[in-house]
């Protein structure tokens, strides 16, 4: 069981826990908006992915010597 849970943690979180957190937050905000009556929030997830990817790449570029 421990190996199974480690696999899923490594698969979901991977090397960057901030990206995983951003995805969870984007999904949560989207769910709240849809549940609140907004039906046209399809653009939120692609925007969150673009922002998260850009932030991750910029952060990695700063770490390179």
PDB file of N, CA and C in Angstrom:
ATOM      1  N   UNK A   1       0.828  -1.189   0.000  1.00  0.00           N
ATOM      2  CA  UNK A   1       0.000   0.000   0.000  1.00  0.00           C
ATOM      3  C   UNK A   1       0.877   1.260   0.000  1.00  0.00           C
ATOM      4  N   UNK A   2       1.961   1.232   0.741  1.00  0.00           N
ATOM      5  CA  UNK A   2       2.839   2.397   0.813  1.00  0.00           C
ATOM      6  C   UNK A   2       3.446   2.707  -0.556  1.00  0.00           C
ATOM      7  N   UNK A   3       3.851   1.658  -1.273  1.00  0.00           N
ATOM      8  CA  UNK A   3       4.404   1.855  -2.612  1.00  0.00           C
ATOM      9  C   UNK A   3       3.379   2.431  -3.573  1.00  0.00           C
ATOM     10  N   UNK A   4       2.140   1.978  -3.450  1.00  0.00           N
ATOM     11  CA  UNK A   4       1.051   2.490  -4.291  1.00  0.00           C
ATOM     12  C   UNK A   4       0.846   3.979  -4.045  1.00  0.00           C
ATOM     13  N   UNK A   5       0.822   4.383  -2.780  1.00  0.00           N
ATOM     14  CA  UNK A   5       0.628   5.792  -2.445  1.00  0.00           C
ATOM     15  C   UNK A   5       1.822   6.636  -2.870  1.00  0.00           C
ATOM     16  N   UNK A   6       3.023   6.092  -2.739  1.00  0.00           N
ATOM     17  CA  UNK A   6       4.207   6.825  -3.202  1.00  0.00           C
ATOM     18  C   UNK A   6       4.173   7.035  -4.710  1.00  0.00           C
ATOM     19  N   UNK A   7       3.701   6.017  -5.435  1.00  0.00           N
ATOM     20  CA  UNK A   7       3.590   6.155  -6.888  1.00  0.00           C
ATOM     21  C   UNK A   7       2.660   7.310  -7.236  1.00  0.00           C
ATOM     22  N   UNK A   8       1.484   7.352  -6.630  1.00  0.00           N
ATOM     23  CA  UNK A   8       0.525   8.392  -6.955  1.00  0.00           C
ATOM     24  C   UNK A   8       1.012   9.769  -6.531  1.00  0.00           C
ATOM     25  N   UNK A   9       1.701   9.850  -5.392  1.00  0.00           N
ATOM     26  CA  UNK A   9       2.271  11.128  -4.976  1.00  0.00           C
ATOM     27  C   UNK A   9       3.307  11.593  -5.997  1.00  0.00           C
ATOM     28  N   UNK A  10       4.185  10.684  -6.398  1.00  0.00           N
ATOM     29  CA  UNK A  10       5.213  11.041  -7.375  1.00  0.00           C
ATOM     30  C   UNK A  10       4.599  11.369  -8.731  1.00  0.00           C
ATOM     31  N   UNK A  11       3.546  10.681  -9.115  1.00  0.00           N
ATOM     32  CA  UNK A  11       2.891  10.914 -10.398  1.00  0.00           C
ATOM     33  C   UNK A  11       2.179  12.259 -10.418  1.00  0.00           C
ATOM     34  N   UNK A  12       1.505  12.601  -9.334  1.00  0.00           N
ATOM     35  CA  UNK A  12       0.730  13.843  -9.310  1.00  0.00           C
ATOM     36  C   UNK A  12       1.612  15.041  -8.986  1.00  0.00           C
ATOM     37  N   UNK A  13       2.420  14.938  -7.964  1.00  0.00           N
ATOM     38  CA  UNK A  13       3.239  16.066  -7.539  1.00  0.00           C
ATOM     39  C   UNK A  13       4.495  16.165  -8.385  1.00  0.00           C
ATOM     40  N   UNK A  14       5.168  15.038  -8.600  1.00  0.00           N
ATOM     41  CA  UNK A  14       6.363  15.034  -9.433  1.00  0.00           C
ATOM     42  C   UNK A  14       7.481  15.864  -8.826  1.00  0.00           C
ATOM     43  N   UNK A  15       8.142  16.653  -9.644  1.00  0.00           N
ATOM     44  CA  UNK A  15       9.272  17.452  -9.192  1.00  0.00           C
ATOM     45  C   UNK A  15       8.862  18.804  -8.633  1.00  0.00           C
ATOM     46  N   UNK A  16       7.684  19.289  -8.977  1.00  0.00           N
ATOM     47  CA  UNK A  16       7.303  20.641  -8.596  1.00  0.00           C
ATOM     48  C   UNK A  16       5.922  20.638  -7.944  1.00  0.00           C
ATOM     49  N   UNK A  17       5.903  20.755  -6.637  1.00  0.00           N
ATOM     50  CA  UNK A  17       4.628  20.719  -5.924  1.00  0.00           C
ATOM     51  C   UNK A  17       3.797  21.971  -6.186  1.00  0.00           C
ATOM     52  N   UNK A  18       4.425  23.061  -6.617  1.00  0.00           N
ATOM     53  CA  UNK A  18       3.668  24.288  -6.859  1.00  0.00           C
ATOM     54  C   UNK A  18       2.756  24.152  -8.084  1.00  0.00           C
ATOM     55  N   UNK A  19       3.199  23.404  -9.073  1.00  0.00           N
ATOM     56  CA  UNK A  19       2.349  23.173 -10.247  1.00  0.00           C
ATOM     57  C   UNK A  19       1.132  22.334  -9.846  1.00  0.00           C
ATOM     58  N   UNK A  20       1.358  21.305  -9.042  1.00  0.00           N
ATOM     59  CA  UNK A  20       0.242  20.468  -8.570  1.00  0.00           C
ATOM     60  C   UNK A  20      -0.743  21.304  -7.761  1.00  0.00           C
ATOM     61  N   UNK A  21      -0.232  22.176  -6.909  1.00  0.00           N
ATOM     62  CA  UNK A  21      -1.105  23.041  -6.118  1.00  0.00           C
ATOM     63  C   UNK A  21      -1.880  23.998  -7.017  1.00  0.00           C
ATOM     64  N   UNK A  22      -1.230  24.545  -8.022  1.00  0.00           N
ATOM     65  CA  UNK A  22      -1.912  25.442  -8.954  1.00  0.00           C
ATOM     66  C   UNK A  22      -3.043  24.759  -9.709  1.00  0.00           C
ATOM     67  N   UNK A  23      -2.805  23.517 -10.104  1.00  0.00           N
ATOM     68  CA  UNK A  23      -3.857  22.759 -10.804  1.00  0.00           C
ATOM     69  C   UNK A  23      -5.040  22.511  -9.882  1.00  0.00           C
ATOM     70  N   UNK A  24      -4.761  22.122  -8.647  1.00  0.00           N
ATOM     71  CA  UNK A  24      -5.847  21.878  -7.681  1.00  0.00           C
ATOM     72  C   UNK A  24      -6.626  23.164  -7.425  1.00  0.00           C
ATOM     73  N   UNK A  25      -5.926  24.269  -7.262  1.00  0.00           N
ATOM     74  CA  UNK A  25      -6.614  25.547  -7.045  1.00  0.00           C
ATOM     75  C   UNK A  25      -7.440  25.961  -8.260  1.00  0.00           C
ATOM     76  N   UNK A  26      -6.894  25.796  -9.454  1.00  0.00           N
ATOM     77  CA  UNK A  26      -7.633  26.165 -10.674  1.00  0.00           C
ATOM     78  C   UNK A  26      -8.884  25.305 -10.829  1.00  0.00           C
ATOM     79  N   UNK A  27      -8.758  24.005 -10.555  1.00  0.00           N
ATOM     80  CA  UNK A  27      -9.934  23.134 -10.631  1.00  0.00           C
ATOM     81  C   UNK A  27     -10.970  23.512  -9.575  1.00  0.00           C
ATOM     82  N   UNK A  28     -10.501  23.850  -8.383  1.00  0.00           N
ATOM     83  CA  UNK A  28     -11.425  24.246  -7.322  1.00  0.00           C
ATOM     84  C   UNK A  28     -12.159  25.530  -7.633  1.00  0.00           C
ATOM     85  N   UNK A  29     -11.434  26.523  -8.119  1.00  0.00           N
ATOM     86  CA  UNK A  29     -12.072  27.797  -8.472  1.00  0.00           C
ATOM     87  C   UNK A  29     -13.057  27.599  -9.613  1.00  0.00           C
ATOM     88  N   UNK A  30     -12.672  26.811 -10.600  1.00  0.00           N
ATOM     89  CA  UNK A  30     -13.581  26.535 -11.716  1.00  0.00           C
ATOM     90  C   UNK A  30     -14.843  25.840 -11.226  1.00  0.00           C
ATOM     91  N   UNK A  31     -14.690  24.859 -10.355  1.00  0.00           N
ATOM     92  CA  UNK A  31     -15.855  24.142  -9.815  1.00  0.00           C
ATOM     93  C   UNK A  31     -16.758  25.089  -9.028  1.00  0.00           C
ATOM     94  N   UNK A  32     -16.160  25.960  -8.220  1.00  0.00           N
ATOM     95  CA  UNK A  32     -16.969  26.916  -7.454  1.00  0.00           C
ATOM     96  C   UNK A  32     -17.726  27.869  -8.359  1.00  0.00           C
ATOM     97  N   UNK A  33     -17.065  28.343  -9.420  1.00  0.00           N
ATOM     98  CA  UNK A  33     -17.741  29.260 -10.340  1.00  0.00           C
ATOM     99  C   UNK A  33     -18.869  28.570 -11.096  1.00  0.00           C
ATOM    100  N   UNK A  34     -18.641  27.355 -11.522  1.00  0.00           N
ATOM    101  CA  UNK A  34     -19.697  26.623 -12.243  1.00  0.00           C
ATOM    102  C   UNK A  34     -20.853  26.309 -11.304  1.00  0.00           C
ATOM    103  N   UNK A  35     -20.522  25.900 -10.086  1.00  0.00           N
ATOM    104  CA  UNK A  35     -21.575  25.596  -9.106  1.00  0.00           C
ATOM    105  C   UNK A  35     -22.353  26.856  -8.718  1.00  0.00           C
ATOM    106  N   UNK A  36     -21.693  28.000  -8.803  1.00  0.00           N
ATOM    107  CA  UNK A  36     -22.348  29.260  -8.481  1.00  0.00           C
ATOM    108  C   UNK A  36     -23.215  29.819  -9.594  1.00  0.00           C
ATOM    109  N   UNK A  37     -23.237  29.157 -10.733  1.00  0.00           N
ATOM    110  CA  UNK A  37     -24.122  29.592 -11.803  1.00  0.00           C
ATOM    111  C   UNK A  37     -23.434  30.100 -13.054  1.00  0.00           C
ATOM    112  N   UNK A  38     -22.142  30.296 -13.000  1.00  0.00           N
ATOM    113  CA  UNK A  38     -21.426  30.738 -14.200  1.00  0.00           C
ATOM    114  C   UNK A  38     -21.176  29.507 -15.076  1.00  0.00           C
ATOM    115  N   UNK A  39     -21.700  29.523 -16.261  1.00  0.00           N
ATOM    116  CA  UNK A  39     -21.565  28.355 -17.130  1.00  0.00           C
ATOM    117  C   UNK A  39     -20.436  28.499 -18.140  1.00  0.00           C
ATOM    118  N   UNK A  40     -19.937  29.696 -18.307  1.00  0.00           N
ATOM    119  CA  UNK A  40     -18.911  29.914 -19.323  1.00  0.00           C
ATOM    120  C   UNK A  40     -17.567  30.269 -18.677  1.00  0.00           C
ATOM    121  N   UNK A  41     -16.962  29.280 -18.036  1.00  0.00           N
ATOM    122  CA  UNK A  41     -15.652  29.501 -17.414  1.00  0.00           C
ATOM    123  C   UNK A  41     -14.624  28.526 -17.980  1.00  0.00           C
ATOM    124  N   UNK A  42     -14.836  28.102 -19.211  1.00  0.00           N
ATOM    125  CA  UNK A  42     -13.924  27.149 -19.849  1.00  0.00           C
ATOM    126  C   UNK A  42     -12.530  27.744 -20.008  1.00  0.00           C
ATOM    127  N   UNK A  43     -12.420  29.043 -20.100  1.00  0.00           N
ATOM    128  CA  UNK A  43     -11.166  29.733 -20.343  1.00  0.00           C
ATOM    129  C   UNK A  43     -10.254  29.751 -19.116  1.00  0.00           C
ATOM    130  N   UNK A  44     -10.807  29.475 -17.942  1.00  0.00           N
ATOM    131  CA  UNK A  44     -10.025  29.592 -16.718  1.00  0.00           C
ATOM    132  C   UNK A  44      -8.912  28.544 -16.625  1.00  0.00           C
ATOM    133  N   UNK A  45      -9.188  27.298 -16.974  1.00  0.00           N
ATOM    134  CA  UNK A  45      -8.168  26.256 -16.882  1.00  0.00           C
ATOM    135  C   UNK A  45      -7.027  26.453 -17.879  1.00  0.00           C
ATOM    136  N   UNK A  46      -7.293  26.751 -19.159  1.00  0.00           N
ATOM    137  CA  UNK A  46      -6.155  27.031 -20.051  1.00  0.00           C
ATOM    138  C   UNK A  46      -5.331  28.237 -19.596  1.00  0.00           C
ATOM    139  N   UNK A  47      -5.979  29.251 -19.057  1.00  0.00           N
ATOM    140  CA  UNK A  47      -5.258  30.415 -18.539  1.00  0.00           C
ATOM    141  C   UNK A  47      -4.376  30.016 -17.354  1.00  0.00           C
ATOM    142  N   UNK A  48      -4.911  29.207 -16.459  1.00  0.00           N
ATOM    143  CA  UNK A  48      -4.142  28.753 -15.300  1.00  0.00           C
ATOM    144  C   UNK A  48      -2.946  27.899 -15.735  1.00  0.00           C
ATOM    145  N   UNK A  49      -3.147  27.074 -16.739  1.00  0.00           N
ATOM    146  CA  UNK A  49      -2.033  26.249 -17.245  1.00  0.00           C
ATOM    147  C   UNK A  49      -0.957  27.129 -17.857  1.00  0.00           C
ATOM    148  N   UNK A  50      -1.350  28.118 -18.645  1.00  0.00           N
ATOM    149  CA  UNK A  50      -0.376  29.015 -19.276  1.00  0.00           C
ATOM    150  C   UNK A  50       0.402  29.807 -18.225  1.00  0.00           C
ATOM    151  N   UNK A  51      -0.270  30.297 -17.210  1.00  0.00           N
ATOM    152  CA  UNK A  51       0.397  31.056 -16.154  1.00  0.00           C
ATOM    153  C   UNK A  51       1.326  30.149 -15.358  1.00  0.00           C
ATOM    154  N   UNK A  52       0.846  28.966 -14.990  1.00  0.00           N
ATOM    155  CA  UNK A  52       1.675  28.036 -14.224  1.00  0.00           C
ATOM    156  C   UNK A  52       2.898  27.577 -14.986  1.00  0.00           C
ATOM    157  N   UNK A  53       2.735  27.287 -16.252  1.00  0.00           N
ATOM    158  CA  UNK A  53       3.862  26.852 -17.072  1.00  0.00           C
ATOM    159  C   UNK A  53       4.877  27.981 -17.242  1.00  0.00           C
ATOM    160  N   UNK A  54       4.399  29.181 -17.512  1.00  0.00           N
ATOM    161  CA  UNK A  54       5.301  30.321 -17.674  1.00  0.00           C
ATOM    162  C   UNK A  54       6.073  30.583 -16.385  1.00  0.00           C
ATOM    163  N   UNK A  55       5.391  30.549 -15.271  1.00  0.00           N
ATOM    164  CA  UNK A  55       6.039  30.792 -13.989  1.00  0.00           C
ATOM    165  C   UNK A  55       7.086  29.723 -13.696  1.00  0.00           C
ATOM    166  N   UNK A  56       6.751  28.476 -13.983  1.00  0.00           N
ATOM    167  CA  UNK A  56       7.687  27.384 -13.738  1.00  0.00           C
ATOM    168  C   UNK A  56       8.931  27.492 -14.618  1.00  0.00           C
ATOM    169  N   UNK A  57       8.748  27.834 -15.880  1.00  0.00           N
ATOM    170  CA  UNK A  57       9.883  27.971 -16.797  1.00  0.00           C
ATOM    171  C   UNK A  57      10.763  29.150 -16.399  1.00  0.00           C
ATOM    172  N   UNK A  58      10.162  30.270 -16.038  1.00  0.00           N
ATOM    173  CA  UNK A  58      10.946  31.425 -15.606  1.00  0.00           C
ATOM    174  C   UNK A  58      11.724  31.126 -14.334  1.00  0.00           C
ATOM    175  N   UNK A  59      11.103  30.421 -13.414  1.00  0.00           N
ATOM    176  CA  UNK A  59      11.773  30.067 -12.162  1.00  0.00           C
ATOM    177  C   UNK A  59      12.930  29.120 -12.422  1.00  0.00           C
ATOM    178  N   UNK A  60      12.757  28.158 -13.324  1.00  0.00           N
ATOM    179  CA  UNK A  60      13.822  27.232 -13.664  1.00  0.00           C
ATOM    180  C   UNK A  60      14.951  27.943 -14.404  1.00  0.00           C
ATOM    181  N   UNK A  61      14.622  28.912 -15.233  1.00  0.00           N
ATOM    182  CA  UNK A  61      15.647  29.645 -15.976  1.00  0.00           C
ATOM    183  C   UNK A  61      16.513  30.494 -15.030  1.00  0.00           C
ATOM    184  N   UNK A  62      15.918  30.997 -13.975  1.00  0.00           N
ATOM    185  CA  UNK A  62      16.682  31.781 -13.005  1.00  0.00           C
ATOM    186  C   UNK A  62      17.649  30.908 -12.205  1.00  0.00           C
ATOM    187  N   UNK A  63      17.323  29.640 -12.047  1.00  0.00           N
ATOM    188  CA  UNK A  63      18.156  28.736 -11.262  1.00  0.00           C
ATOM    189  C   UNK A  63      19.363  28.218 -12.040  1.00  0.00           C
ATOM    190  N   UNK A  64      19.339  28.306 -13.348  1.00  0.00           N
ATOM    191  CA  UNK A  64      20.477  27.830 -14.157  1.00  0.00           C
ATOM    192  C   UNK A  64      21.660  28.761 -13.995  1.00  0.00           C
ATOM    193  N   UNK A  65      22.849  28.206 -13.933  1.00  0.00           N
ATOM    194  CA  UNK A  65      24.035  29.064 -13.774  1.00  0.00           C
ATOM    195  C   UNK A  65      24.380  29.817 -15.039  1.00  0.00           C
TER     196      UNK A  65
END
